[in-house]
Amino acid sequence: MIRSESMSAADTAADVPVAVMRRAAAEGLRERFPGLWFWWGPHTGHWWAYVPGPGLGRLVEGETPDGLGMALTRLRARGWGW
């Protein structure tokens, strides 16, 4: 299952371009890392990924989509394949 940020009723006309950009960023991450869940945290202002694995899996955080991608690449290099 893949999750991405969706627009809510709270989105205003001014926010729509930002929501569209975030959705596109999540799509780019899904293409690079299939099988993971991605979202932007409105309370943290950071990007997140759920990586399935032993036990409950792992949450990975990045300040930007590229930062999250780099963190996931490092995690995969350490043996957390998915």
N, C-alpha and C. Protein backbone atom coordinates (compact mmCIF):
# COMPACT_ATOMS: atom_id res chain seq x y z
N MET A 1 0.84 -1.17 0.00
CA MET A 1 0.00 0.00 0.00
C MET A 1 0.89 1.24 0.00
N ILE A 2 0.54 2.22 -0.81
CA ILE A 2 1.31 3.45 -0.91
C ILE A 2 0.42 4.60 -0.49
N ARG A 3 0.95 5.48 0.31
CA ARG A 3 0.19 6.61 0.79
C ARG A 3 0.88 7.89 0.37
N SER A 4 0.10 8.88 0.00
CA SER A 4 0.66 10.20 -0.28
C SER A 4 -0.26 11.23 0.31
N GLU A 5 0.25 12.44 0.42
CA GLU A 5 -0.55 13.53 0.95
C GLU A 5 -1.72 13.79 0.01
N SER A 6 -2.88 14.02 0.56
CA SER A 6 -4.02 14.39 -0.27
C SER A 6 -4.51 15.76 0.15
N MET A 7 -5.16 16.44 -0.77
CA MET A 7 -5.68 17.75 -0.47
C MET A 7 -6.91 17.60 0.41
N SER A 8 -7.07 18.52 1.35
CA SER A 8 -8.22 18.50 2.23
C SER A 8 -9.03 19.77 2.03
N ALA A 9 -10.17 19.84 2.69
CA ALA A 9 -11.01 21.03 2.60
C ALA A 9 -10.28 22.25 3.15
N ALA A 10 -9.26 22.03 3.97
CA ALA A 10 -8.52 23.15 4.55
C ALA A 10 -7.60 23.82 3.54
N ASP A 11 -7.33 23.16 2.41
CA ASP A 11 -6.49 23.77 1.38
C ASP A 11 -7.23 24.95 0.76
N THR A 12 -6.55 26.05 0.63
CA THR A 12 -7.14 27.22 -0.01
C THR A 12 -6.58 27.34 -1.41
N ALA A 13 -7.12 28.27 -2.18
CA ALA A 13 -6.64 28.45 -3.56
C ALA A 13 -5.15 28.75 -3.58
N ALA A 14 -4.67 29.51 -2.61
CA ALA A 14 -3.24 29.84 -2.56
C ALA A 14 -2.39 28.62 -2.23
N ASP A 15 -2.97 27.66 -1.51
CA ASP A 15 -2.23 26.46 -1.10
C ASP A 15 -2.19 25.39 -2.19
N VAL A 16 -3.07 25.46 -3.16
CA VAL A 16 -3.17 24.40 -4.15
C VAL A 16 -1.84 24.17 -4.88
N PRO A 17 -1.13 25.22 -5.35
CA PRO A 17 0.15 24.93 -6.00
C PRO A 17 1.14 24.20 -5.08
N VAL A 18 1.13 24.53 -3.80
CA VAL A 18 2.01 23.85 -2.85
C VAL A 18 1.59 22.38 -2.72
N ALA A 19 0.29 22.14 -2.60
CA ALA A 19 -0.20 20.76 -2.49
C ALA A 19 0.14 19.96 -3.74
N VAL A 20 0.02 20.58 -4.90
CA VAL A 20 0.35 19.90 -6.16
C VAL A 20 1.84 19.58 -6.20
N MET A 21 2.67 20.51 -5.76
CA MET A 21 4.13 20.28 -5.73
C MET A 21 4.47 19.15 -4.76
N ARG A 22 3.82 19.11 -3.62
CA ARG A 22 4.09 18.04 -2.66
C ARG A 22 3.66 16.69 -3.22
N ARG A 23 2.53 16.66 -3.88
CA ARG A 23 2.06 15.41 -4.47
C ARG A 23 3.05 14.93 -5.54
N ALA A 24 3.55 15.86 -6.34
CA ALA A 24 4.54 15.49 -7.37
C ALA A 24 5.83 14.98 -6.73
N ALA A 25 6.24 15.60 -5.63
CA ALA A 25 7.45 15.14 -4.94
C ALA A 25 7.25 13.73 -4.39
N ALA A 26 6.06 13.45 -3.83
CA ALA A 26 5.77 12.11 -3.32
C ALA A 26 5.78 11.09 -4.46
N GLU A 27 5.23 11.47 -5.62
CA GLU A 27 5.26 10.58 -6.78
C GLU A 27 6.69 10.26 -7.20
N GLY A 28 7.54 11.28 -7.22
CA GLY A 28 8.95 11.07 -7.58
C GLY A 28 9.63 10.11 -6.61
N LEU A 29 9.33 10.25 -5.32
CA LEU A 29 9.91 9.33 -4.33
C LEU A 29 9.39 7.91 -4.53
N ARG A 30 8.10 7.76 -4.83
CA ARG A 30 7.53 6.43 -5.07
C ARG A 30 8.18 5.76 -6.28
N GLU A 31 8.50 6.57 -7.30
CA GLU A 31 9.17 6.00 -8.47
C GLU A 31 10.56 5.51 -8.13
N ARG A 32 11.28 6.27 -7.30
CA ARG A 32 12.64 5.89 -6.91
C ARG A 32 12.68 4.76 -5.90
N PHE A 33 11.66 4.70 -5.03
CA PHE A 33 11.64 3.73 -3.93
C PHE A 33 10.26 3.05 -3.87
N PRO A 34 9.97 2.17 -4.84
CA PRO A 34 8.65 1.52 -4.86
C PRO A 34 8.41 0.69 -3.60
N GLY A 35 7.16 0.66 -3.19
CA GLY A 35 6.78 -0.15 -2.04
C GLY A 35 6.83 0.56 -0.71
N LEU A 36 7.28 1.82 -0.69
CA LEU A 36 7.33 2.59 0.55
C LEU A 36 6.19 3.60 0.57
N TRP A 37 5.83 4.04 1.76
CA TRP A 37 4.82 5.08 1.93
C TRP A 37 5.52 6.40 2.15
N PHE A 38 5.03 7.48 1.54
CA PHE A 38 5.63 8.80 1.67
C PHE A 38 4.58 9.84 2.02
N TRP A 39 4.97 10.79 2.84
CA TRP A 39 4.07 11.90 3.15
C TRP A 39 4.87 13.08 3.69
N TRP A 40 4.26 14.23 3.59
CA TRP A 40 4.81 15.46 4.16
C TRP A 40 4.06 15.72 5.45
N GLY A 41 4.78 15.91 6.53
CA GLY A 41 4.15 16.13 7.84
C GLY A 41 3.87 17.60 8.09
N PRO A 42 2.62 17.99 8.13
CA PRO A 42 2.30 19.40 8.33
C PRO A 42 2.73 19.92 9.69
N HIS A 43 2.82 19.06 10.69
CA HIS A 43 3.25 19.52 12.02
C HIS A 43 4.76 19.62 12.14
N THR A 44 5.48 18.75 11.44
CA THR A 44 6.95 18.78 11.50
C THR A 44 7.55 19.61 10.39
N GLY A 45 6.81 19.73 9.28
CA GLY A 45 7.35 20.42 8.11
C GLY A 45 8.41 19.61 7.39
N HIS A 46 8.46 18.31 7.68
CA HIS A 46 9.45 17.42 7.07
C HIS A 46 8.76 16.33 6.25
N TRP A 47 9.56 15.67 5.43
CA TRP A 47 9.10 14.54 4.63
C TRP A 47 9.37 13.25 5.38
N TRP A 48 8.47 12.27 5.22
CA TRP A 48 8.56 11.01 5.94
C TRP A 48 8.36 9.84 4.99
N ALA A 49 8.96 8.72 5.36
CA ALA A 49 8.75 7.46 4.64
C ALA A 49 8.60 6.35 5.67
N TYR A 50 7.70 5.43 5.38
CA TYR A 50 7.60 4.20 6.17
C TYR A 50 8.30 3.12 5.37
N VAL A 51 9.28 2.48 6.02
CA VAL A 51 10.03 1.39 5.39
C VAL A 51 9.66 0.09 6.11
N PRO A 52 8.98 -0.83 5.41
CA PRO A 52 8.66 -2.10 6.05
C PRO A 52 9.93 -2.87 6.38
N GLY A 53 9.89 -3.61 7.45
CA GLY A 53 11.06 -4.39 7.84
C GLY A 53 10.75 -5.20 9.08
N PRO A 54 11.78 -5.66 9.76
CA PRO A 54 11.58 -6.46 10.96
C PRO A 54 10.73 -5.71 11.99
N GLY A 55 9.88 -6.44 12.66
CA GLY A 55 9.03 -5.81 13.67
C GLY A 55 8.03 -4.88 13.02
N LEU A 56 8.04 -3.64 13.44
CA LEU A 56 7.10 -2.64 12.92
C LEU A 56 7.65 -1.86 11.74
N GLY A 57 8.84 -2.16 11.29
CA GLY A 57 9.45 -1.40 10.22
C GLY A 57 10.14 -0.17 10.78
N ARG A 58 10.27 0.84 9.95
CA ARG A 58 11.04 2.01 10.36
C ARG A 58 10.48 3.26 9.70
N LEU A 59 10.48 4.38 10.44
CA LEU A 59 10.15 5.69 9.89
C LEU A 59 11.45 6.41 9.59
N VAL A 60 11.51 7.04 8.42
CA VAL A 60 12.69 7.78 8.01
C VAL A 60 12.24 9.20 7.70
N GLU A 61 13.02 10.18 8.14
CA GLU A 61 12.66 11.59 8.01
C GLU A 61 13.70 12.35 7.19
N GLY A 62 13.22 13.32 6.43
CA GLY A 62 14.11 14.22 5.69
C GLY A 62 13.50 15.61 5.63
N GLU A 63 14.33 16.63 5.65
CA GLU A 63 13.81 18.00 5.59
C GLU A 63 13.22 18.32 4.23
N THR A 64 13.71 17.66 3.19
CA THR A 64 13.26 17.89 1.82
C THR A 64 13.06 16.52 1.16
N PRO A 65 12.38 16.47 0.02
CA PRO A 65 12.28 15.19 -0.68
C PRO A 65 13.66 14.62 -1.04
N ASP A 66 14.59 15.49 -1.47
CA ASP A 66 15.94 15.00 -1.78
C ASP A 66 16.65 14.50 -0.54
N GLY A 67 16.47 15.20 0.57
CA GLY A 67 17.08 14.75 1.83
C GLY A 67 16.53 13.41 2.27
N LEU A 68 15.23 13.21 2.09
CA LEU A 68 14.64 11.92 2.42
C LEU A 68 15.18 10.84 1.49
N GLY A 69 15.31 11.16 0.21
CA GLY A 69 15.87 10.20 -0.74
C GLY A 69 17.29 9.78 -0.36
N MET A 70 18.09 10.74 0.07
CA MET A 70 19.47 10.42 0.50
C MET A 70 19.46 9.53 1.74
N ALA A 71 18.57 9.83 2.70
CA ALA A 71 18.48 9.01 3.91
C ALA A 71 18.05 7.59 3.56
N LEU A 72 17.13 7.44 2.63
CA LEU A 72 16.69 6.11 2.23
C LEU A 72 17.78 5.35 1.49
N THR A 73 18.55 6.05 0.68
CA THR A 73 19.67 5.42 -0.02
C THR A 73 20.70 4.91 0.98
N ARG A 74 21.00 5.71 2.01
CA ARG A 74 21.94 5.27 3.05
C ARG A 74 21.39 4.06 3.81
N LEU A 75 20.10 4.09 4.10
CA LEU A 75 19.47 2.99 4.83
C LEU A 75 19.54 1.70 4.01
N ARG A 76 19.27 1.80 2.72
CA ARG A 76 19.33 0.61 1.85
C ARG A 76 20.76 0.08 1.79
N ALA A 77 21.75 0.97 1.77
CA ALA A 77 23.15 0.56 1.72
C ALA A 77 23.56 -0.18 2.99
N ARG A 78 22.86 0.09 4.10
CA ARG A 78 23.15 -0.59 5.37
C ARG A 78 22.39 -1.90 5.52
N GLY A 79 21.69 -2.33 4.43
CA GLY A 79 21.06 -3.63 4.47
C GLY A 79 19.57 -3.63 4.68
N TRP A 80 18.93 -2.46 4.73
CA TRP A 80 17.48 -2.42 4.86
C TRP A 80 16.87 -2.45 3.47
N GLY A 81 16.94 -3.59 2.81
CA GLY A 81 16.35 -3.70 1.48
C GLY A 81 14.84 -3.81 1.56
N TRP A 82 14.17 -3.42 0.53
CA TRP A 82 12.71 -3.54 0.48
C TRP A 82 12.28 -3.86 -0.91
